[in-house]
Structures are given as C-alpha cells and as structure tokens.
Amino acid sequence: MSNADVEWIDQDLDVGGLEPPEPMVLILEALDRLEGRQRLRVLIDREPHPLYRVLERNGYAHSISTRPDYRFELLIWDPQQAG
C-alpha cells in the first residue's frame, strides 16, 4: 500500500520565521507525538536539508513541495503505518 492509498490524519506545524536549529527541534518533538496513521505537515521557509538525514536514520519517509508563497510544505510519515 503506498502513501497515497492510506487515509492519513495530518498534524500541522508551522516553523516559519524561526532560526535554526529551532525548526528541527520542534519537528523532532512533534514526530515523537505522532500516533497511528498521523503524519506531520510542516510549513517552513527554507528546505531543511540537515533534517533529511535524521529522518532517514529514524525510519521516516518524507516528501517536500514548494507552495505558491515560496514556502516549503514538508510531509513526514512512518512508512510502517502505511500498511
């Protein structure tokens, strides 16, 4: 079952305007609180390249897209919850 086939419940986190490392700290804290088929939807001002290695190391999947307002929307989920 792919990520697109799962009915996810998005938990939103806006870390815009924050200076590093605060966005990463808040994102990791929010990931610790996810349950079941929840995924984290993060709005962030810059692409969080250092975070990607941390996510991979901890078994999370992610996708990122650029919004019309030039902010990034980062989706993070646990692939084991996908089925």
C-alpha atoms as a PDB file:
ATOM      1  CA  MET A   1       0.000   0.000   0.000  1.00  0.00           C
ATOM      2  CA  SER A   2       1.510   3.362  -0.984  1.00  0.00           C
ATOM      3  CA  ASN A   3       1.414   6.621   0.959  1.00  0.00           C
ATOM      4  CA  ALA A   4      -1.265   7.887  -1.445  1.00  0.00           C
ATOM      5  CA  ASP A   5      -3.546   4.919  -0.640  1.00  0.00           C
ATOM      6  CA  VAL A   6      -3.528   5.498   3.123  1.00  0.00           C
ATOM      7  CA  GLU A   7      -6.017   7.773   4.865  1.00  0.00           C
ATOM      8  CA  TRP A   8      -3.637   9.940   6.866  1.00  0.00           C
ATOM      9  CA  ILE A   9      -4.536  12.414   9.571  1.00  0.00           C
ATOM     10  CA  ASP A  10      -2.312  15.456   9.144  1.00  0.00           C
ATOM     11  CA  GLN A  11      -0.865  17.238  12.147  1.00  0.00           C
ATOM     12  CA  ASP A  12       0.184  20.752  11.124  1.00  0.00           C
ATOM     13  CA  LEU A  13       3.302  22.534  12.331  1.00  0.00           C
ATOM     14  CA  ASP A  14       4.349  25.993  11.106  1.00  0.00           C
ATOM     15  CA  VAL A  15       8.002  26.728  11.844  1.00  0.00           C
ATOM     16  CA  GLY A  16       8.259  29.723   9.527  1.00  0.00           C
ATOM     17  CA  GLY A  17      10.336  32.617  10.773  1.00  0.00           C
ATOM     18  CA  LEU A  18      12.328  30.502  13.219  1.00  0.00           C
ATOM     19  CA  GLU A  19      16.111  30.323  13.087  1.00  0.00           C
ATOM     20  CA  PRO A  20      18.000  27.019  13.079  1.00  0.00           C
ATOM     21  CA  PRO A  21      18.089  24.760  14.987  1.00  0.00           C
ATOM     22  CA  GLU A  22      14.631  25.576  16.401  1.00  0.00           C
ATOM     23  CA  PRO A  23      12.645  24.234  13.398  1.00  0.00           C
ATOM     24  CA  MET A  24      14.418  20.863  13.577  1.00  0.00           C
ATOM     25  CA  VAL A  25      13.937  20.642  17.343  1.00  0.00           C
ATOM     26  CA  LEU A  26      10.203  21.380  17.053  1.00  0.00           C
ATOM     27  CA  ILE A  27       9.786  18.940  14.147  1.00  0.00           C
ATOM     28  CA  LEU A  28      11.501  16.098  16.020  1.00  0.00           C
ATOM     29  CA  GLU A  29       9.411  16.784  19.133  1.00  0.00           C
ATOM     30  CA  ALA A  30       6.232  16.726  17.023  1.00  0.00           C
ATOM     31  CA  LEU A  31       7.264  13.420  15.411  1.00  0.00           C
ATOM     32  CA  ASP A  32       7.575  11.861  18.866  1.00  0.00           C
ATOM     33  CA  ARG A  33       3.909  12.683  19.471  1.00  0.00           C
ATOM     34  CA  LEU A  34       2.545  11.127  16.253  1.00  0.00           C
ATOM     35  CA  GLU A  35       0.306   8.102  16.667  1.00  0.00           C
ATOM     36  CA  GLY A  36      -1.009   5.526  14.218  1.00  0.00           C
ATOM     37  CA  ARG A  37      -1.753   6.942  10.806  1.00  0.00           C
ATOM     38  CA  GLN A  38      -0.891  10.510  11.637  1.00  0.00           C
ATOM     39  CA  ARG A  39       1.665  12.337   9.567  1.00  0.00           C
ATOM     40  CA  LEU A  40       3.310  15.676  10.154  1.00  0.00           C
ATOM     41  CA  ARG A  41       2.738  18.518   7.702  1.00  0.00           C
ATOM     42  CA  VAL A  42       5.370  21.195   8.227  1.00  0.00           C
ATOM     43  CA  LEU A  43       5.411  24.675   6.735  1.00  0.00           C
ATOM     44  CA  ILE A  44       8.952  26.005   6.638  1.00  0.00           C
ATOM     45  CA  ASP A  45      10.754  28.924   4.993  1.00  0.00           C
ATOM     46  CA  ARG A  46      13.806  27.001   3.778  1.00  0.00           C
ATOM     47  CA  GLU A  47      14.406  23.453   2.632  1.00  0.00           C
ATOM     48  CA  PRO A  48      15.616  21.517   5.704  1.00  0.00           C
ATOM     49  CA  HIS A  49      18.477  19.508   4.176  1.00  0.00           C
ATOM     50  CA  PRO A  50      20.066  18.503   7.540  1.00  0.00           C
ATOM     51  CA  LEU A  51      16.720  17.104   8.691  1.00  0.00           C
ATOM     52  CA  TYR A  52      16.552  14.596   5.820  1.00  0.00           C
ATOM     53  CA  ARG A  53      19.446  12.513   7.193  1.00  0.00           C
ATOM     54  CA  VAL A  54      17.840  12.446  10.639  1.00  0.00           C
ATOM     55  CA  LEU A  55      14.528  11.312   9.148  1.00  0.00           C
ATOM     56  CA  GLU A  56      16.182   8.526   7.144  1.00  0.00           C
ATOM     57  CA  ARG A  57      18.166   7.338  10.158  1.00  0.00           C
ATOM     58  CA  ASN A  58      14.954   7.118  12.194  1.00  0.00           C
ATOM     59  CA  GLY A  59      12.939   5.308   9.517  1.00  0.00           C
ATOM     60  CA  TYR A  60      10.669   8.166   8.431  1.00  0.00           C
ATOM     61  CA  ALA A  61       9.619   8.847   4.859  1.00  0.00           C
ATOM     62  CA  HIS A  62       9.068  12.369   3.576  1.00  0.00           C
ATOM     63  CA  SER A  63       8.102  14.454   0.591  1.00  0.00           C
ATOM     64  CA  ILE A  64       8.522  18.153   0.014  1.00  0.00           C
ATOM     65  CA  SER A  65       6.901  20.646  -2.314  1.00  0.00           C
ATOM     66  CA  THR A  66       7.138  24.373  -2.882  1.00  0.00           C
ATOM     67  CA  ARG A  67       3.966  26.356  -2.293  1.00  0.00           C
ATOM     68  CA  PRO A  68       2.866  29.382  -4.356  1.00  0.00           C
ATOM     69  CA  ASP A  69       4.050  31.638  -1.497  1.00  0.00           C
ATOM     70  CA  TYR A  70       7.579  30.131  -1.928  1.00  0.00           C
ATOM     71  CA  ARG A  71       7.455  28.359   1.419  1.00  0.00           C
ATOM     72  CA  PHE A  72       8.066  24.642   1.620  1.00  0.00           C
ATOM     73  CA  GLU A  73       5.480  22.063   2.653  1.00  0.00           C
ATOM     74  CA  LEU A  74       7.138  19.004   4.125  1.00  0.00           C
ATOM     75  CA  LEU A  75       5.148  15.830   4.791  1.00  0.00           C
ATOM     76  CA  ILE A  76       6.693  13.286   7.168  1.00  0.00           C
ATOM     77  CA  TRP A  77       5.249   9.867   7.993  1.00  0.00           C
ATOM     78  CA  ASP A  78       6.162   6.458   9.311  1.00  0.00           C
ATOM     79  CA  PRO A  79       6.029   4.068   6.325  1.00  0.00           C
ATOM     80  CA  GLN A  80       5.299   1.144   8.671  1.00  0.00           C
ATOM     81  CA  GLN A  81       1.915   2.760   9.355  1.00  0.00           C
ATOM     82  CA  ALA A  82       1.061   2.626   5.639  1.00  0.00           C
ATOM     83  CA  GLY A  83       0.128  -0.992   5.816  1.00  0.00           C
END
